[in-house]
């Protein structure tokens, strides 16, 4: 009970921290209840079920909070980042870029299209969110997020953009460019970290790797076996060719957790 009491105090402190971002008192109060709802054991965190869980008869208020109420999500993100650094900040921390797919049945959700989803392990109708996480010896948390907007199906479709209310300044950006913007925001905010890591979706982006090198940031980014890499002695070569030349004792096989297709090695 003492631990639960501490959680309650910490959540209330976090709510007080972001409260100034919401100008109207009813929106501020609903945002606080919404945070509580996200931590509740709700089967599906949609408008109806969350509204019911926080004691509201209809989902209108929750949906209005997310869709129409005036508050700056970027400012709340910055508050979260500062909160995470306060509690978990460590100079040996790692900035982790990864993406996840949100499966959808319809075509109206912004960014939805048939694309590969790591969540499903195949091409599905989904949205793709790119995330920046913070991993330290003291714990892990999210820092930032961005929605990937497919170029042809969304970024260049003016009628679809207008119907969905996508701001004019939001254009097409590759996943690597979205990752760079999030890392850049973290570095500008002086988030302490020693490394950046990501899978081959981001490692294959040479512009992202070169930018990290220009920033003097150490990184471990996976690349596909066919990806060309520059070498000092023999020019550009496929990654698998370079790897094949390393002696067996140069490698150690490590189990790093479960993935969508089984254990990751």
Protein backbone atom coordinates (compact mmCIF):
# COMPACT_ATOMS: atom_id res chain seq x y z
CA UNK A 1 0.00 0.00 0.00
CA UNK A 2 2.92 2.32 0.71
CA UNK A 3 4.26 1.72 -2.80
CA UNK A 4 0.84 2.32 -4.36
CA UNK A 5 0.58 5.56 -2.36
CA UNK A 6 3.95 6.63 -3.78
CA UNK A 7 2.79 5.88 -7.34
CA UNK A 8 -0.31 8.03 -6.75
CA UNK A 9 1.80 10.93 -5.50
CA UNK A 10 4.19 10.66 -8.44
CA UNK A 11 1.37 10.59 -10.99
CA UNK A 12 -0.28 13.60 -9.38
CA UNK A 13 3.08 15.41 -9.49
CA UNK A 14 3.40 14.59 -13.20
CA UNK A 15 -0.12 15.85 -13.84
CA UNK A 16 0.71 19.10 -12.05
CA UNK A 17 3.81 19.41 -14.20
CA UNK A 18 1.93 19.29 -17.50
CA UNK A 19 -1.17 21.12 -16.27
CA UNK A 20 0.00 24.58 -17.53
CA UNK A 21 -0.03 23.18 -21.09
CA UNK A 22 -3.85 23.01 -20.93
CA UNK A 23 -5.45 26.45 -20.78
CA UNK A 24 -9.01 25.44 -19.86
CA UNK A 25 -9.63 23.84 -16.42
CA UNK A 26 -12.01 21.16 -17.73
CA UNK A 27 -9.47 20.06 -20.37
CA UNK A 28 -6.73 20.06 -17.71
CA UNK A 29 -8.86 17.88 -15.42
CA UNK A 30 -9.78 15.47 -18.21
CA UNK A 31 -6.11 15.13 -19.23
CA UNK A 32 -5.34 14.08 -15.67
CA UNK A 33 -8.13 11.50 -15.65
CA UNK A 34 -7.02 10.29 -19.07
CA UNK A 35 -3.52 9.53 -17.70
CA UNK A 36 -5.10 7.54 -14.89
CA UNK A 37 -7.19 5.67 -17.46
CA UNK A 38 -4.12 4.70 -19.50
CA UNK A 39 -2.72 2.92 -16.43
CA UNK A 40 -5.96 1.04 -15.74
CA UNK A 41 -6.45 -2.60 -16.89
CA UNK A 42 -8.61 -1.67 -19.90
CA UNK A 43 -8.95 -4.30 -22.65
CA UNK A 44 -8.82 -1.76 -25.48
CA UNK A 45 -7.70 1.80 -24.86
CA UNK A 46 -10.19 3.39 -27.27
CA UNK A 47 -12.40 6.41 -26.58
CA UNK A 48 -15.39 4.41 -25.35
CA UNK A 49 -13.54 2.14 -22.93
CA UNK A 50 -11.27 4.85 -21.54
CA UNK A 51 -14.22 7.20 -21.04
CA UNK A 52 -16.12 4.49 -19.20
CA UNK A 53 -13.10 3.71 -17.03
CA UNK A 54 -12.64 7.34 -15.94
CA UNK A 55 -16.34 7.73 -15.11
CA UNK A 56 -17.73 9.47 -18.19
CA UNK A 57 -20.96 8.35 -19.85
CA UNK A 58 -19.89 9.04 -23.43
CA UNK A 59 -16.53 9.11 -25.28
CA UNK A 60 -17.06 12.65 -26.63
CA UNK A 61 -14.90 14.36 -24.00
CA UNK A 62 -11.98 11.96 -24.38
CA UNK A 63 -12.16 12.18 -28.18
CA UNK A 64 -12.32 15.99 -28.00
CA UNK A 65 -9.23 16.02 -25.75
CA UNK A 66 -7.27 14.11 -28.40
CA UNK A 67 -8.79 15.65 -31.54
CA UNK A 68 -10.02 19.17 -30.90
CA UNK A 69 -8.90 20.60 -27.55
CA UNK A 70 -6.24 23.31 -27.79
CA UNK A 71 -2.96 22.10 -26.27
CA UNK A 72 0.53 21.59 -27.65
CA UNK A 73 1.55 17.93 -27.75
CA UNK A 74 5.16 18.97 -28.44
CA UNK A 75 5.32 20.91 -25.18
CA UNK A 76 3.92 17.95 -23.23
CA UNK A 77 6.53 15.75 -24.93
CA UNK A 78 9.24 18.13 -23.74
CA UNK A 79 7.86 17.94 -20.20
CA UNK A 80 7.96 14.15 -20.38
CA UNK A 81 11.55 14.17 -21.65
CA UNK A 82 12.66 16.40 -18.79
CA UNK A 83 10.83 14.17 -16.31
CA UNK A 84 12.51 11.04 -17.69
CA UNK A 85 15.98 12.61 -17.56
CA UNK A 86 15.34 13.75 -13.99
CA UNK A 87 14.59 10.21 -12.87
CA UNK A 88 16.65 8.05 -15.25
CA UNK A 89 19.32 10.36 -16.69
CA UNK A 90 22.71 8.67 -17.04
CA UNK A 91 25.75 9.56 -19.18
CA UNK A 92 26.00 5.89 -20.20
CA UNK A 93 22.42 5.79 -21.47
CA UNK A 94 21.47 4.65 -24.97
CA UNK A 95 19.07 6.40 -27.36
CA UNK A 96 17.06 3.67 -29.09
CA UNK A 97 15.19 4.25 -32.36
CA UNK A 98 12.54 1.72 -33.33
CA UNK A 99 9.15 1.57 -34.99
CA UNK A 100 5.93 -0.29 -34.45
CA UNK A 101 2.83 -0.89 -36.53
CA UNK A 102 -0.73 -0.17 -35.44
CA UNK A 103 -3.08 -2.48 -37.33
CA UNK A 104 -6.15 -0.77 -38.82
CA UNK A 105 -9.17 -2.02 -40.74
CA UNK A 106 -10.22 1.27 -42.37
CA UNK A 107 -8.58 3.88 -44.58
CA UNK A 108 -9.34 7.12 -42.70
CA UNK A 109 -6.66 7.10 -39.97
CA UNK A 110 -3.77 9.40 -40.93
CA UNK A 111 -0.87 7.49 -42.48
CA UNK A 112 -2.69 4.17 -42.77
CA UNK A 113 -1.73 2.03 -45.78
CA UNK A 114 -0.57 -1.46 -46.65
CA UNK A 115 3.01 -1.54 -45.38
CA UNK A 116 5.31 -3.84 -43.45
CA UNK A 117 4.53 -4.06 -39.74
CA UNK A 118 7.05 -5.59 -37.36
CA UNK A 119 4.16 -6.11 -34.94
CA UNK A 120 2.44 -8.46 -37.42
CA UNK A 121 5.66 -9.68 -39.07
CA UNK A 122 4.22 -9.05 -42.54
CA UNK A 123 2.63 -6.45 -44.82
CA UNK A 124 -0.67 -5.29 -43.32
CA UNK A 125 -3.04 -2.35 -43.39
CA UNK A 126 -1.56 -0.23 -40.60
CA UNK A 127 -0.04 3.00 -39.35
CA UNK A 128 3.68 3.12 -38.54
CA UNK A 129 4.95 5.05 -35.54
CA UNK A 130 8.68 5.81 -35.17
CA UNK A 131 9.79 6.09 -31.54
CA UNK A 132 12.83 7.27 -29.61
CA UNK A 133 13.37 5.43 -26.32
CA UNK A 134 15.87 5.98 -23.52
CA UNK A 135 17.59 2.95 -21.96
CA UNK A 136 19.69 3.30 -18.82
CA UNK A 137 20.88 1.06 -15.96
CA UNK A 138 18.14 2.71 -13.88
CA UNK A 139 15.26 1.95 -16.23
CA UNK A 140 13.73 2.61 -19.66
CA UNK A 141 11.17 5.07 -21.03
CA UNK A 142 9.97 6.71 -24.24
CA UNK A 143 11.20 10.20 -25.14
CA UNK A 144 9.65 11.03 -28.50
CA UNK A 145 7.44 9.80 -31.33
CA UNK A 146 6.57 10.56 -34.95
CA UNK A 147 3.94 9.21 -37.33
CA UNK A 148 5.30 8.00 -40.66
CA UNK A 149 3.35 9.44 -43.60
CA UNK A 150 3.62 7.27 -46.75
CA UNK A 151 4.63 9.48 -49.66
CA UNK A 152 2.29 8.50 -52.49
CA UNK A 153 -0.78 7.41 -50.49
CA UNK A 154 -0.73 10.36 -48.10
CA UNK A 155 1.99 13.03 -48.33
CA UNK A 156 1.22 13.82 -52.00
CA UNK A 157 -2.56 13.26 -51.87
CA UNK A 158 -3.95 16.77 -51.30
CA UNK A 159 -7.60 15.73 -50.99
CA UNK A 160 -6.78 13.02 -48.47
CA UNK A 161 -4.57 15.41 -46.49
CA UNK A 162 -7.30 18.04 -46.37
CA UNK A 163 -9.97 15.55 -45.29
CA UNK A 164 -7.74 14.28 -42.47
CA UNK A 165 -6.67 17.77 -41.36
CA UNK A 166 -2.93 17.28 -41.92
CA UNK A 167 -1.14 20.65 -41.47
CA UNK A 168 0.46 22.14 -44.59
CA UNK A 169 3.91 22.18 -43.00
CA UNK A 170 3.86 18.40 -42.51
CA UNK A 171 5.41 16.85 -45.60
CA UNK A 172 6.95 13.53 -46.49
CA UNK A 173 9.92 12.42 -44.39
CA UNK A 174 11.71 9.09 -44.53
CA UNK A 175 11.87 7.04 -41.34
CA UNK A 176 15.55 7.94 -41.10
CA UNK A 177 14.71 11.65 -41.30
CA UNK A 178 12.07 11.25 -38.59
CA UNK A 179 14.64 9.47 -36.42
CA UNK A 180 17.19 12.22 -36.98
CA UNK A 181 14.73 14.95 -35.94
CA UNK A 182 13.91 13.11 -32.72
CA UNK A 183 17.57 12.45 -31.87
CA UNK A 184 18.36 16.07 -32.68
CA UNK A 185 15.64 17.28 -30.29
CA UNK A 186 17.04 15.05 -27.55
CA UNK A 187 20.60 16.28 -28.08
CA UNK A 188 19.49 19.92 -28.15
CA UNK A 189 17.76 19.32 -24.81
CA UNK A 190 21.07 17.92 -23.48
CA UNK A 191 19.72 14.45 -22.79
CA UNK A 192 22.76 12.53 -21.47
CA UNK A 193 23.60 9.50 -23.65
CA UNK A 194 26.67 7.70 -24.98
CA UNK A 195 25.23 5.71 -27.86
CA UNK A 196 22.49 5.62 -30.48
CA UNK A 197 21.18 2.28 -31.69
CA UNK A 198 18.59 1.10 -34.24
CA UNK A 199 17.76 -1.74 -36.63
CA UNK A 200 18.53 -1.95 -40.35
CA UNK A 201 15.61 0.26 -41.41
CA UNK A 202 17.67 3.12 -39.95
CA UNK A 203 21.15 1.66 -40.40
CA UNK A 204 20.62 1.45 -44.15
CA UNK A 205 20.08 5.21 -44.18
CA UNK A 206 23.58 6.48 -44.98
CA UNK A 207 22.54 10.10 -44.40
CA UNK A 208 21.55 9.27 -40.81
CA UNK A 209 24.86 7.50 -40.15
CA UNK A 210 26.86 10.39 -41.61
CA UNK A 211 24.89 12.89 -39.54
CA UNK A 212 25.61 10.94 -36.33
CA UNK A 213 29.31 10.84 -37.23
CA UNK A 214 29.29 14.60 -37.87
CA UNK A 215 27.77 15.07 -34.41
CA UNK A 216 30.53 12.96 -32.88
CA UNK A 217 27.93 10.45 -31.64
CA UNK A 218 28.82 6.79 -31.26
CA UNK A 219 26.26 4.41 -32.72
CA UNK A 220 25.46 0.77 -33.36
CA UNK A 221 23.09 0.52 -36.33
CA UNK A 222 22.26 -2.74 -38.05
CA UNK A 223 22.47 -2.90 -41.86
CA UNK A 224 21.11 -5.41 -44.36
CA UNK A 225 23.58 -7.98 -45.71
CA UNK A 226 23.50 -6.40 -49.18
CA UNK A 227 24.05 -2.84 -47.95
CA UNK A 228 27.15 -1.18 -49.48
CA UNK A 229 29.73 0.02 -46.98
CA UNK A 230 32.80 2.13 -47.70
CA UNK A 231 36.15 0.55 -46.82
CA UNK A 232 39.55 2.21 -46.73
CA UNK A 233 41.35 -0.38 -48.86
CA UNK A 234 38.83 -1.81 -51.30
CA UNK A 235 36.16 0.85 -51.82
CA UNK A 236 32.45 0.13 -51.47
CA UNK A 237 31.55 -3.49 -50.67
CA UNK A 238 28.51 -5.45 -49.50
CA UNK A 239 28.23 -5.77 -45.73
CA UNK A 240 28.07 -9.58 -45.95
CA UNK A 241 31.42 -9.67 -47.79
CA UNK A 242 33.13 -7.64 -45.09
CA UNK A 243 31.58 -9.76 -42.34
CA UNK A 244 32.67 -13.00 -44.04
CA UNK A 245 36.32 -11.97 -43.74
CA UNK A 246 36.17 -11.68 -39.96
CA UNK A 247 37.54 -14.75 -38.10
CA UNK A 248 35.10 -16.92 -36.13
CA UNK A 249 36.58 -15.78 -32.81
CA UNK A 250 35.59 -12.20 -33.65
CA UNK A 251 31.95 -13.07 -32.97
CA UNK A 252 29.87 -13.92 -29.94
CA UNK A 253 26.24 -15.02 -30.27
CA UNK A 254 24.05 -13.29 -27.70
CA UNK A 255 20.34 -13.75 -26.94
CA UNK A 256 18.75 -10.30 -26.65
CA UNK A 257 15.07 -11.09 -26.10
CA UNK A 258 11.94 -12.11 -27.96
CA UNK A 259 11.03 -10.71 -31.36
CA UNK A 260 8.04 -11.03 -33.69
CA UNK A 261 9.69 -14.05 -35.36
CA UNK A 262 11.13 -15.73 -32.26
CA UNK A 263 14.22 -15.22 -30.15
CA UNK A 264 16.53 -12.45 -31.34
CA UNK A 265 20.17 -13.50 -31.61
